[in-house]
Amino acid sequence: MDVMDTDFGTPKVEVNDDMTVDPKDRLLNILDRIEAHVEDLRRESLRLEERKDTLFTTLDTIRNSEHLNNLADTDKDDIQRYIERVTARCTTVEISVRTDRDKQQEESLYQVNKMIDNLVIAFKGDPDNSMNKCQSFLAACKDEPEVPVDKGFETALLGCALDDQKRIKKRLHGLLDYLGQGRFTFVSELLSLLSPGTGSSLVRFMVSNSGLNND
């Protein structure tokens, strides 16, 4: 028995009569190779999730573009309908990569999500302070931060699973860039996605559909 790669790069087990290799060692070798394929699959799925998030963000950028205001009403309607059609099409793609967490990691992730939820809620009323807060959150994700670290956020972050920590850092980078552009319209849309209880419903954009929601 051996593992052969298919045309799609996925492993396929084939019978092999070679008895010179210890059966246990052979099985362990096969499982090692399959495990490597599983990790590749997870990484590729995460990249696809990021591509989907980027597409949504780009569509929202167009939706809020000042160029739309320079169009005639009929042309503007055409563009907006096109945007909604592409957005609806994008929502048909569902990708999910689950992160295994113990009870403490679940609680830490909940606290991180709650703090980011509150940050977004506060942004519309106090954008400057919220931007500073976002920077202090991001500083907690870095080995050599350039700005003071939010200690409460850092404590919660360190309690999260390593996969979650990596995604939180990446999402905070995106959130900081996005909020820095001052697009209040999309912030309002984000607020409409918040569910009662703060369980991390900031959807694709921040820390959840990328595996950061409490599974």
Protein backbone atom coordinates (compact mmCIF):
# COMPACT_ATOMS: atom_id res chain seq x y z
CA MET A 1 0.00 0.00 0.00
CA ASP A 2 1.31 3.44 -0.95
CA VAL A 3 0.10 6.97 -1.60
CA MET A 4 0.12 8.33 -5.13
CA ASP A 5 -0.72 11.92 -6.06
CA THR A 6 -3.63 12.33 -8.48
CA ASP A 7 -3.86 14.87 -11.28
CA PHE A 8 -5.54 17.21 -8.78
CA GLY A 9 -2.63 16.95 -6.34
CA THR A 10 -4.65 14.93 -3.84
CA PRO A 11 -3.39 11.61 -2.44
CA LYS A 12 -4.72 8.26 -3.56
CA VAL A 13 -3.93 5.04 -1.72
CA GLU A 14 -2.76 2.18 -3.93
CA VAL A 15 -1.94 -1.42 -3.05
CA ASN A 16 1.78 -2.22 -3.04
CA ASP A 17 3.14 -5.72 -2.46
CA ASP A 18 6.55 -4.48 -1.30
CA MET A 19 7.09 -6.28 2.01
CA THR A 20 10.57 -4.89 2.69
CA VAL A 21 9.14 -2.00 4.67
CA ASP A 22 7.70 -2.52 8.13
CA PRO A 23 3.87 -2.32 7.87
CA LYS A 24 3.61 0.20 10.69
CA ASP A 25 6.32 2.43 9.19
CA ARG A 26 4.60 2.25 5.82
CA LEU A 27 1.27 3.29 7.32
CA LEU A 28 2.89 6.10 9.30
CA ASN A 29 4.56 7.36 6.12
CA ILE A 30 1.23 7.32 4.30
CA LEU A 31 -0.51 9.17 7.13
CA ASP A 32 2.28 11.77 7.27
CA ARG A 33 1.80 12.50 3.58
CA ILE A 34 -1.97 12.67 3.92
CA GLU A 35 -1.63 15.03 6.88
CA ALA A 36 0.57 17.31 4.76
CA HIS A 37 -2.15 17.35 2.10
CA VAL A 38 -4.76 18.22 4.74
CA GLU A 39 -2.69 21.20 5.91
CA ASP A 40 -2.24 22.31 2.30
CA LEU A 41 -6.01 22.09 1.88
CA ARG A 42 -6.59 24.25 4.96
CA ARG A 43 -4.10 26.87 3.78
CA GLU A 44 -5.63 27.01 0.32
CA SER A 45 -9.14 27.28 1.78
CA LEU A 46 -8.02 30.18 3.96
CA ARG A 47 -6.55 31.90 0.91
CA LEU A 48 -9.88 31.46 -0.86
CA GLU A 49 -11.67 32.98 2.12
CA GLU A 50 -9.36 35.98 1.95
CA ARG A 51 -10.02 36.35 -1.77
CA LYS A 52 -13.75 36.33 -1.08
CA ASP A 53 -13.35 38.99 1.62
CA THR A 54 -11.27 41.12 -0.75
CA LEU A 55 -13.95 40.88 -3.42
CA PHE A 56 -16.63 42.03 -0.97
CA THR A 57 -14.45 44.93 0.14
CA THR A 58 -13.73 45.94 -3.45
CA LEU A 59 -17.42 45.83 -4.31
CA ASP A 60 -18.17 48.05 -1.32
CA THR A 61 -15.46 50.47 -2.41
CA ILE A 62 -17.15 50.80 -5.78
CA ARG A 63 -20.57 51.10 -4.11
CA ASN A 64 -19.34 54.09 -2.11
CA SER A 65 -17.17 55.59 -4.83
CA GLU A 66 -17.51 59.30 -5.56
CA HIS A 67 -17.41 58.43 -9.25
CA LEU A 68 -20.98 57.17 -8.93
CA ASN A 69 -22.12 60.67 -8.02
CA ASN A 70 -20.81 61.94 -11.34
CA LEU A 71 -23.03 59.59 -13.33
CA ALA A 72 -26.47 60.26 -14.69
CA ASP A 73 -29.23 58.67 -12.62
CA THR A 74 -29.91 55.94 -15.18
CA ASP A 75 -26.22 55.06 -15.46
CA LYS A 76 -25.86 55.10 -11.68
CA ASP A 77 -28.81 52.72 -11.34
CA ASP A 78 -27.24 50.39 -13.90
CA ILE A 79 -23.95 50.31 -12.00
CA GLN A 80 -25.67 49.76 -8.64
CA ARG A 81 -27.72 46.88 -10.02
CA TYR A 82 -24.55 45.37 -11.44
CA ILE A 83 -22.83 45.70 -8.05
CA GLU A 84 -25.73 44.01 -6.28
CA ARG A 85 -25.82 41.20 -8.83
CA VAL A 86 -22.11 40.48 -8.44
CA THR A 87 -22.40 40.75 -4.64
CA ALA A 88 -25.28 38.28 -4.60
CA ARG A 89 -23.29 35.93 -6.78
CA CYS A 90 -20.32 36.15 -4.44
CA THR A 91 -22.51 35.23 -1.47
CA THR A 92 -23.26 31.88 -3.15
CA VAL A 93 -19.66 30.85 -2.43
CA GLU A 94 -19.36 29.34 1.04
CA ILE A 95 -15.97 28.38 2.47
CA SER A 96 -15.43 27.28 6.04
CA VAL A 97 -12.26 26.26 7.83
CA ARG A 98 -12.89 25.28 11.44
CA THR A 99 -10.33 25.86 14.15
CA ASP A 100 -10.33 23.41 17.06
CA ARG A 101 -10.42 25.26 20.37
CA ASP A 102 -10.62 24.32 24.03
CA LYS A 103 -13.00 26.09 26.42
CA GLN A 104 -10.44 28.73 27.42
CA GLN A 105 -9.61 29.52 23.80
CA GLU A 106 -13.31 29.87 23.03
CA GLU A 107 -13.70 32.36 25.89
CA SER A 108 -10.61 34.32 24.82
CA LEU A 109 -11.88 34.50 21.25
CA TYR A 110 -15.24 35.72 22.51
CA GLN A 111 -13.51 38.53 24.41
CA VAL A 112 -11.45 39.52 21.34
CA ASN A 113 -14.55 39.57 19.17
CA LYS A 114 -16.45 41.61 21.75
CA MET A 115 -13.70 44.24 21.92
CA ILE A 116 -13.57 44.54 18.14
CA ASP A 117 -17.37 44.76 18.00
CA ASN A 118 -17.26 47.62 20.49
CA LEU A 119 -14.49 49.31 18.49
CA VAL A 120 -16.61 49.35 15.35
CA ILE A 121 -19.67 50.56 17.27
CA ALA A 122 -17.66 53.47 18.70
CA PHE A 123 -16.05 54.43 15.39
CA LYS A 124 -18.91 56.48 14.00
CA GLY A 125 -19.16 58.62 17.13
CA ASP A 126 -15.44 58.96 17.84
CA PRO A 127 -13.36 57.95 14.80
CA ASP A 128 -10.03 59.34 16.07
CA ASN A 129 -10.13 57.47 19.37
CA SER A 130 -11.35 54.32 17.62
CA MET A 131 -8.47 54.49 15.15
CA ASN A 132 -6.03 54.78 18.05
CA LYS A 133 -7.72 51.86 19.77
CA CYS A 134 -7.46 49.76 16.61
CA GLN A 135 -3.74 50.57 16.40
CA SER A 136 -3.26 49.50 20.02
CA PHE A 137 -5.09 46.24 19.26
CA LEU A 138 -2.84 45.62 16.29
CA ALA A 139 0.22 46.45 18.39
CA ALA A 140 -0.73 43.54 20.65
CA CYS A 141 -0.26 41.24 17.66
CA LYS A 142 3.33 42.36 16.98
CA ASP A 143 6.66 41.36 18.50
CA GLU A 144 7.96 44.93 18.24
CA PRO A 145 4.97 47.29 18.37
CA GLU A 146 5.39 50.91 17.29
CA VAL A 147 2.60 52.17 19.56
CA PRO A 148 1.47 51.30 23.09
CA VAL A 149 -0.26 47.95 23.41
CA ASP A 150 -3.80 47.55 24.71
CA LYS A 151 -3.03 45.17 27.59
CA GLY A 152 -6.58 43.89 27.93
CA PHE A 153 -6.73 42.99 24.26
CA GLU A 154 -3.25 41.44 24.45
CA THR A 155 -4.30 39.19 27.33
CA ALA A 156 -7.37 37.99 25.45
CA LEU A 157 -5.38 37.55 22.23
CA LEU A 158 -2.71 35.39 23.87
CA GLY A 159 -5.42 33.09 25.14
CA CYS A 160 -6.64 32.39 21.59
CA ALA A 161 -5.59 29.49 19.40
CA LEU A 162 -2.53 30.23 17.25
CA ASP A 163 -4.55 30.03 14.04
CA ASP A 164 -6.97 32.58 15.46
CA GLN A 165 -4.13 34.90 16.51
CA LYS A 166 -2.75 34.93 12.96
CA ARG A 167 -6.15 35.68 11.45
CA ILE A 168 -6.94 38.37 14.02
CA LYS A 169 -3.71 40.17 13.14
CA LYS A 170 -4.47 39.99 9.43
CA ARG A 171 -8.04 41.20 9.91
CA LEU A 172 -6.99 44.07 12.14
CA HIS A 173 -4.59 45.21 9.42
CA GLY A 174 -7.49 45.25 6.99
CA LEU A 175 -9.82 46.94 9.47
CA LEU A 176 -7.30 49.69 10.23
CA ASP A 177 -6.76 50.39 6.54
CA TYR A 178 -10.48 50.40 5.91
CA LEU A 179 -11.44 52.66 8.80
CA GLY A 180 -8.59 54.97 7.86
CA GLN A 181 -10.45 55.75 4.67
CA GLY A 182 -13.34 57.08 6.76
CA ARG A 183 -16.13 55.30 4.93
CA PHE A 184 -18.96 55.76 7.40
CA THR A 185 -21.52 54.14 5.13
CA PHE A 186 -19.92 50.75 5.39
CA VAL A 187 -19.49 51.10 9.13
CA SER A 188 -23.25 51.57 9.35
CA GLU A 189 -23.67 48.40 7.33
CA LEU A 190 -21.32 46.59 9.70
CA LEU A 191 -23.35 47.75 12.67
CA SER A 192 -26.48 46.29 11.11
CA LEU A 193 -24.72 42.92 11.13
CA LEU A 194 -24.04 42.95 14.85
CA SER A 195 -26.21 40.49 16.68
CA PRO A 196 -27.39 40.90 20.28
CA GLY A 197 -24.79 39.54 22.65
CA THR A 198 -21.64 40.34 20.64
CA GLY A 199 -20.73 36.76 19.78
CA SER A 200 -18.64 37.97 16.85
CA SER A 201 -21.03 38.70 14.13
CA LEU A 202 -18.82 41.12 12.28
CA VAL A 203 -19.04 38.69 9.44
CA ARG A 204 -16.55 38.28 6.63
CA PHE A 205 -14.74 41.55 7.13
CA MET A 206 -13.16 41.22 10.50
CA VAL A 207 -12.67 38.23 12.62
CA SER A 208 -15.16 35.73 11.76
CA ASN A 209 -16.04 33.87 8.59
CA SER A 210 -12.34 33.30 8.33
CA GLY A 211 -12.63 30.78 11.07
CA LEU A 212 -12.74 33.23 13.93
CA ASN A 213 -16.37 32.88 14.88
CA ASN A 214 -17.11 30.58 17.78
CA ASP A 215 -17.78 27.26 16.06
